[in-house]
Amino acid sequence: MKSSLELKRLIMSSALVAIAFAIELLIKFVLPMFNMPFGGNFIGLSMLPMVIVGYLYGFRYGIIASFVYGVFEIILAPSGYIVGWSFLLDYLVGFTAYGLTGLFVGKLGNLKYVIIGVLIAGVTRYLSVSIAGVIFWSDVANFDAFFYSFITYNLGYNLSTTLITLGILILIRKRIILLNDEYLKVN
């Protein structure tokens, strides 16, 4: 009985990773005007399925699913910008941060924890990619890499991604809980 439940969670987590990747592909190629030149976009709806995994199935599933998603994101990365710390901070740590909502497993019905979880995930990602930007631009640019990375480049799209994800999640969270409960029923 327990293995059936674990298998269903694994299948749903995998499906949500695939949905996140499909969303990212759609935004990248259908709505290119929202893409940032060195990666990232202002819509960022791929965050939504990843934070749902954490809320539904916990920290382990959230972190693993988000890590796998980060590996897939490397495929879409602009060529020449995955170097050294960028690989780790932009992609692996940055996207894995979405799984931090797993700290609030089972709390999708509680608005306070929805807000806190998404904000923790969004801020952690923002800090990770901004630090990666500072490291990268400090070596190759003749401008203030800290200001550029933390304010000019990463703040806008990370803020919009987090707020859009939070807004949609608030609207659909009760339906997600019902669908998940129905899906996880063991016959």
C-alpha atoms as a PDB file:
ATOM      1  CA  MET A   1       0.000   0.000   0.000  1.00  0.00           C
ATOM      2  CA  LYS A   2       2.799   2.433   0.918  1.00  0.00           C
ATOM      3  CA  SER A   3       4.772   1.619  -2.240  1.00  0.00           C
ATOM      4  CA  SER A   4       1.682   2.403  -4.334  1.00  0.00           C
ATOM      5  CA  LEU A   5       1.430   5.811  -2.667  1.00  0.00           C
ATOM      6  CA  GLU A   6       5.149   6.485  -3.207  1.00  0.00           C
ATOM      7  CA  LEU A   7       4.848   5.461  -6.858  1.00  0.00           C
ATOM      8  CA  LYS A   8       1.937   7.837  -7.367  1.00  0.00           C
ATOM      9  CA  ARG A   9       3.897  10.678  -5.777  1.00  0.00           C
ATOM     10  CA  LEU A  10       6.880   9.911  -7.983  1.00  0.00           C
ATOM     11  CA  ILE A  11       4.697   9.841 -11.104  1.00  0.00           C
ATOM     12  CA  MET A  12       2.990  13.126 -10.201  1.00  0.00           C
ATOM     13  CA  SER A  13       6.306  14.790  -9.354  1.00  0.00           C
ATOM     14  CA  SER A  14       7.716  13.670 -12.703  1.00  0.00           C
ATOM     15  CA  ALA A  15       4.626  14.939 -14.502  1.00  0.00           C
ATOM     16  CA  LEU A  16       4.939  18.322 -12.798  1.00  0.00           C
ATOM     17  CA  VAL A  17       8.607  18.554 -13.821  1.00  0.00           C
ATOM     18  CA  ALA A  18       7.554  17.828 -17.415  1.00  0.00           C
ATOM     19  CA  ILE A  19       4.783  20.445 -17.211  1.00  0.00           C
ATOM     20  CA  ALA A  20       7.241  23.019 -15.860  1.00  0.00           C
ATOM     21  CA  PHE A  21       9.653  22.302 -18.698  1.00  0.00           C
ATOM     22  CA  ALA A  22       6.854  22.512 -21.293  1.00  0.00           C
ATOM     23  CA  ILE A  23       5.748  25.860 -19.846  1.00  0.00           C
ATOM     24  CA  GLU A  24       9.313  27.137 -20.014  1.00  0.00           C
ATOM     25  CA  LEU A  25       9.638  26.030 -23.648  1.00  0.00           C
ATOM     26  CA  LEU A  26       6.374  27.741 -24.568  1.00  0.00           C
ATOM     27  CA  ILE A  27       7.387  31.010 -22.932  1.00  0.00           C
ATOM     28  CA  LYS A  28      10.893  30.874 -24.375  1.00  0.00           C
ATOM     29  CA  PHE A  29       9.797  30.256 -27.953  1.00  0.00           C
ATOM     30  CA  VAL A  30       6.233  31.606 -28.183  1.00  0.00           C
ATOM     31  CA  LEU A  31       6.670  34.698 -26.000  1.00  0.00           C
ATOM     32  CA  PRO A  32      10.339  35.632 -26.507  1.00  0.00           C
ATOM     33  CA  MET A  33       9.673  39.268 -25.640  1.00  0.00           C
ATOM     34  CA  PHE A  34       9.504  38.231 -21.957  1.00  0.00           C
ATOM     35  CA  ASN A  35      12.909  36.514 -21.980  1.00  0.00           C
ATOM     36  CA  MET A  36      16.007  38.025 -20.434  1.00  0.00           C
ATOM     37  CA  PRO A  37      19.146  38.040 -22.619  1.00  0.00           C
ATOM     38  CA  PHE A  38      21.245  35.847 -20.292  1.00  0.00           C
ATOM     39  CA  GLY A  39      18.436  33.561 -19.088  1.00  0.00           C
ATOM     40  CA  GLY A  40      15.275  33.956 -17.058  1.00  0.00           C
ATOM     41  CA  ASN A  41      11.965  35.498 -18.060  1.00  0.00           C
ATOM     42  CA  PHE A  42       9.371  37.817 -16.592  1.00  0.00           C
ATOM     43  CA  ILE A  43       6.539  35.296 -16.600  1.00  0.00           C
ATOM     44  CA  GLY A  44       8.346  32.355 -14.987  1.00  0.00           C
ATOM     45  CA  LEU A  45       5.312  30.103 -14.739  1.00  0.00           C
ATOM     46  CA  SER A  46       7.557  27.055 -14.540  1.00  0.00           C
ATOM     47  CA  MET A  47       8.000  27.883 -10.855  1.00  0.00           C
ATOM     48  CA  LEU A  48       4.347  26.982 -10.194  1.00  0.00           C
ATOM     49  CA  PRO A  49       4.509  23.207 -10.797  1.00  0.00           C
ATOM     50  CA  MET A  50       7.775  22.996  -8.882  1.00  0.00           C
ATOM     51  CA  VAL A  51       6.457  24.676  -5.730  1.00  0.00           C
ATOM     52  CA  ILE A  52       3.339  22.503  -5.917  1.00  0.00           C
ATOM     53  CA  VAL A  53       5.505  19.368  -5.688  1.00  0.00           C
ATOM     54  CA  GLY A  54       6.988  20.615  -2.430  1.00  0.00           C
ATOM     55  CA  TYR A  55       3.665  21.582  -0.871  1.00  0.00           C
ATOM     56  CA  LEU A  56       2.047  18.283  -1.815  1.00  0.00           C
ATOM     57  CA  TYR A  57       4.806  15.725  -1.247  1.00  0.00           C
ATOM     58  CA  GLY A  58       7.371  17.335   1.014  1.00  0.00           C
ATOM     59  CA  PHE A  59      10.943  18.491   1.094  1.00  0.00           C
ATOM     60  CA  ARG A  60      12.570  15.403  -0.439  1.00  0.00           C
ATOM     61  CA  TYR A  61      10.253  15.308  -3.452  1.00  0.00           C
ATOM     62  CA  GLY A  62      10.333  19.089  -3.843  1.00  0.00           C
ATOM     63  CA  ILE A  63      14.117  19.307  -3.796  1.00  0.00           C
ATOM     64  CA  ILE A  64      14.668  16.333  -6.095  1.00  0.00           C
ATOM     65  CA  ALA A  65      12.014  17.423  -8.620  1.00  0.00           C
ATOM     66  CA  SER A  66      13.333  21.000  -8.665  1.00  0.00           C
ATOM     67  CA  PHE A  67      16.914  19.779  -9.026  1.00  0.00           C
ATOM     68  CA  VAL A  68      15.897  17.624 -12.009  1.00  0.00           C
ATOM     69  CA  TYR A  69      14.106  20.629 -13.473  1.00  0.00           C
ATOM     70  CA  GLY A  70      17.285  22.693 -13.018  1.00  0.00           C
ATOM     71  CA  VAL A  71      19.251  20.082 -14.953  1.00  0.00           C
ATOM     72  CA  PHE A  72      16.704  20.319 -17.792  1.00  0.00           C
ATOM     73  CA  GLU A  73      16.999  24.120 -17.707  1.00  0.00           C
ATOM     74  CA  ILE A  74      20.686  23.803 -18.550  1.00  0.00           C
ATOM     75  CA  ILE A  75      19.565  22.584 -21.980  1.00  0.00           C
ATOM     76  CA  LEU A  76      17.772  25.893 -22.574  1.00  0.00           C
ATOM     77  CA  ALA A  77      20.554  28.085 -21.226  1.00  0.00           C
ATOM     78  CA  PRO A  78      22.084  30.661 -23.554  1.00  0.00           C
ATOM     79  CA  SER A  79      25.353  29.252 -24.857  1.00  0.00           C
ATOM     80  CA  GLY A  80      28.523  30.532 -23.269  1.00  0.00           C
ATOM     81  CA  TYR A  81      26.945  31.649 -19.987  1.00  0.00           C
ATOM     82  CA  ILE A  82      27.181  28.443 -17.994  1.00  0.00           C
ATOM     83  CA  VAL A  83      30.616  28.732 -16.486  1.00  0.00           C
ATOM     84  CA  GLY A  84      32.002  27.794 -13.083  1.00  0.00           C
ATOM     85  CA  TRP A  85      29.795  29.045 -10.311  1.00  0.00           C
ATOM     86  CA  SER A  86      26.993  29.860 -12.735  1.00  0.00           C
ATOM     87  CA  PHE A  87      26.403  26.164 -13.326  1.00  0.00           C
ATOM     88  CA  LEU A  88      25.970  25.569  -9.618  1.00  0.00           C
ATOM     89  CA  LEU A  89      24.272  28.792  -8.470  1.00  0.00           C
ATOM     90  CA  ASP A  90      22.145  29.723 -11.499  1.00  0.00           C
ATOM     91  CA  TYR A  91      20.900  26.280 -12.393  1.00  0.00           C
ATOM     92  CA  LEU A  92      21.347  23.677  -9.701  1.00  0.00           C
ATOM     93  CA  VAL A  93      20.894  25.752  -6.533  1.00  0.00           C
ATOM     94  CA  GLY A  94      18.719  28.400  -8.199  1.00  0.00           C
ATOM     95  CA  PHE A  95      16.046  26.052  -9.491  1.00  0.00           C
ATOM     96  CA  THR A  96      16.354  23.590  -6.609  1.00  0.00           C
ATOM     97  CA  ALA A  97      15.285  26.478  -4.359  1.00  0.00           C
ATOM     98  CA  TYR A  98      11.727  25.990  -5.618  1.00  0.00           C
ATOM     99  CA  GLY A  99      11.614  22.738  -3.676  1.00  0.00           C
ATOM    100  CA  LEU A 100      11.971  24.620  -0.391  1.00  0.00           C
ATOM    101  CA  THR A 101       8.181  24.791  -0.270  1.00  0.00           C
ATOM    102  CA  GLY A 102       8.476  21.185   0.855  1.00  0.00           C
ATOM    103  CA  LEU A 103       9.244  22.603   4.291  1.00  0.00           C
ATOM    104  CA  PHE A 104       5.516  23.364   4.376  1.00  0.00           C
ATOM    105  CA  VAL A 105       4.220  20.004   3.171  1.00  0.00           C
ATOM    106  CA  GLY A 106       0.497  19.675   3.692  1.00  0.00           C
ATOM    107  CA  LYS A 107       0.115  23.419   4.253  1.00  0.00           C
ATOM    108  CA  LEU A 108      -1.202  24.316   0.798  1.00  0.00           C
ATOM    109  CA  GLY A 109      -4.598  24.989   2.363  1.00  0.00           C
ATOM    110  CA  ASN A 110      -3.136  27.586   4.737  1.00  0.00           C
ATOM    111  CA  LEU A 111      -2.692  30.959   3.023  1.00  0.00           C
ATOM    112  CA  LYS A 112       0.014  32.089   5.457  1.00  0.00           C
ATOM    113  CA  TYR A 113       2.222  29.089   4.623  1.00  0.00           C
ATOM    114  CA  VAL A 114       1.563  29.440   0.917  1.00  0.00           C
ATOM    115  CA  ILE A 115       2.834  33.012   1.031  1.00  0.00           C
ATOM    116  CA  ILE A 116       5.812  32.197   3.267  1.00  0.00           C
ATOM    117  CA  GLY A 117       6.845  29.132   1.242  1.00  0.00           C
ATOM    118  CA  VAL A 118       6.703  30.820  -2.155  1.00  0.00           C
ATOM    119  CA  LEU A 119       8.541  33.866  -0.812  1.00  0.00           C
ATOM    120  CA  ILE A 120      11.296  31.700   0.713  1.00  0.00           C
ATOM    121  CA  ALA A 121      11.687  29.815  -2.576  1.00  0.00           C
ATOM    122  CA  GLY A 122      11.642  33.020  -4.645  1.00  0.00           C
ATOM    123  CA  VAL A 123      14.079  34.925  -2.426  1.00  0.00           C
ATOM    124  CA  THR A 124      16.463  31.958  -2.229  1.00  0.00           C
ATOM    125  CA  ARG A 125      16.480  31.673  -6.019  1.00  0.00           C
ATOM    126  CA  TYR A 126      16.967  35.442  -6.364  1.00  0.00           C
ATOM    127  CA  LEU A 127      19.946  35.415  -3.994  1.00  0.00           C
ATOM    128  CA  SER A 128      21.495  32.405  -5.694  1.00  0.00           C
ATOM    129  CA  VAL A 129      21.270  33.749  -9.247  1.00  0.00           C
ATOM    130  CA  SER A 130      22.318  37.226  -8.136  1.00  0.00           C
ATOM    131  CA  ILE A 131      25.432  35.916  -6.406  1.00  0.00           C
ATOM    132  CA  ALA A 132      26.209  33.911  -9.550  1.00  0.00           C
ATOM    133  CA  GLY A 133      25.844  37.118 -11.566  1.00  0.00           C
ATOM    134  CA  VAL A 134      28.185  39.043  -9.288  1.00  0.00           C
ATOM    135  CA  ILE A 135      30.807  36.309  -9.597  1.00  0.00           C
ATOM    136  CA  PHE A 136      30.434  36.138 -13.377  1.00  0.00           C
ATOM    137  CA  TRP A 137      30.301  39.881 -14.119  1.00  0.00           C
ATOM    138  CA  SER A 138      33.078  40.773 -11.654  1.00  0.00           C
ATOM    139  CA  ASP A 139      35.518  38.923 -13.873  1.00  0.00           C
ATOM    140  CA  VAL A 140      34.412  40.230 -17.273  1.00  0.00           C
ATOM    141  CA  ALA A 141      32.787  43.659 -16.875  1.00  0.00           C
ATOM    142  CA  ASN A 142      33.926  47.173 -16.077  1.00  0.00           C
ATOM    143  CA  PHE A 143      30.744  48.149 -14.179  1.00  0.00           C
ATOM    144  CA  ASP A 144      29.343  47.554 -10.692  1.00  0.00           C
ATOM    145  CA  ALA A 145      28.641  43.828 -10.879  1.00  0.00           C
ATOM    146  CA  PHE A 146      26.766  43.812  -7.562  1.00  0.00           C
ATOM    147  CA  PHE A 147      24.279  46.519  -8.567  1.00  0.00           C
ATOM    148  CA  TYR A 148      23.843  45.072 -12.043  1.00  0.00           C
ATOM    149  CA  SER A 149      23.272  41.528 -10.823  1.00  0.00           C
ATOM    150  CA  PHE A 150      21.128  42.222  -7.763  1.00  0.00           C
ATOM    151  CA  ILE A 151      19.105  45.170  -9.047  1.00  0.00           C
ATOM    152  CA  THR A 152      19.296  45.770 -12.784  1.00  0.00           C
ATOM    153  CA  TYR A 153      19.134  42.203 -14.049  1.00  0.00           C
ATOM    154  CA  ASN A 154      17.746  39.740 -11.502  1.00  0.00           C
ATOM    155  CA  LEU A 155      15.365  41.716  -9.306  1.00  0.00           C
ATOM    156  CA  GLY A 156      12.665  42.398 -11.905  1.00  0.00           C
ATOM    157  CA  TYR A 157      12.204  38.969 -13.376  1.00  0.00           C
ATOM    158  CA  ASN A 158      12.610  37.114 -10.061  1.00  0.00           C
ATOM    159  CA  LEU A 159      10.085  39.405  -8.388  1.00  0.00           C
ATOM    160  CA  SER A 160       7.553  39.028 -11.210  1.00  0.00           C
ATOM    161  CA  THR A 161       8.047  35.241 -11.305  1.00  0.00           C
ATOM    162  CA  THR A 162       7.525  34.943  -7.555  1.00  0.00           C
ATOM    163  CA  LEU A 163       4.469  37.215  -7.492  1.00  0.00           C
ATOM    164  CA  ILE A 164       2.817  35.570 -10.513  1.00  0.00           C
ATOM    165  CA  THR A 165       3.423  32.124  -9.021  1.00  0.00           C
ATOM    166  CA  LEU A 166       2.066  33.239  -5.667  1.00  0.00           C
ATOM    167  CA  GLY A 167      -1.030  34.830  -7.210  1.00  0.00           C
ATOM    168  CA  ILE A 168      -1.920  31.801  -9.317  1.00  0.00           C
ATOM    169  CA  LEU A 169      -1.195  29.386  -6.471  1.00  0.00           C
ATOM    170  CA  ILE A 170      -3.497  31.316  -4.143  1.00  0.00           C
ATOM    171  CA  LEU A 171      -6.258  31.048  -6.746  1.00  0.00           C
ATOM    172  CA  ILE A 172      -5.877  27.328  -7.511  1.00  0.00           C
ATOM    173  CA  ARG A 173      -4.544  25.847  -4.269  1.00  0.00           C
ATOM    174  CA  LYS A 174      -7.842  24.396  -3.011  1.00  0.00           C
ATOM    175  CA  ARG A 175      -8.486  22.701  -6.340  1.00  0.00           C
ATOM    176  CA  ILE A 176      -4.930  21.289  -6.361  1.00  0.00           C
ATOM    177  CA  ILE A 177      -5.532  19.796  -2.899  1.00  0.00           C
ATOM    178  CA  LEU A 178      -8.777  18.149  -4.053  1.00  0.00           C
ATOM    179  CA  LEU A 179      -7.237  16.771  -7.234  1.00  0.00           C
ATOM    180  CA  ASN A 180      -4.242  15.438  -5.343  1.00  0.00           C
ATOM    181  CA  ASP A 181      -6.400  13.779  -2.685  1.00  0.00           C
ATOM    182  CA  GLU A 182      -8.441  12.086  -5.403  1.00  0.00           C
ATOM    183  CA  TYR A 183      -5.308  11.020  -7.290  1.00  0.00           C
ATOM    184  CA  LEU A 184      -3.593   9.549  -4.230  1.00  0.00           C
ATOM    185  CA  LYS A 185      -6.534   7.389  -3.179  1.00  0.00           C
ATOM    186  CA  VAL A 186      -5.390   3.818  -2.944  1.00  0.00           C
ATOM    187  CA  ASN A 187      -8.012   1.422  -4.265  1.00  0.00           C
END
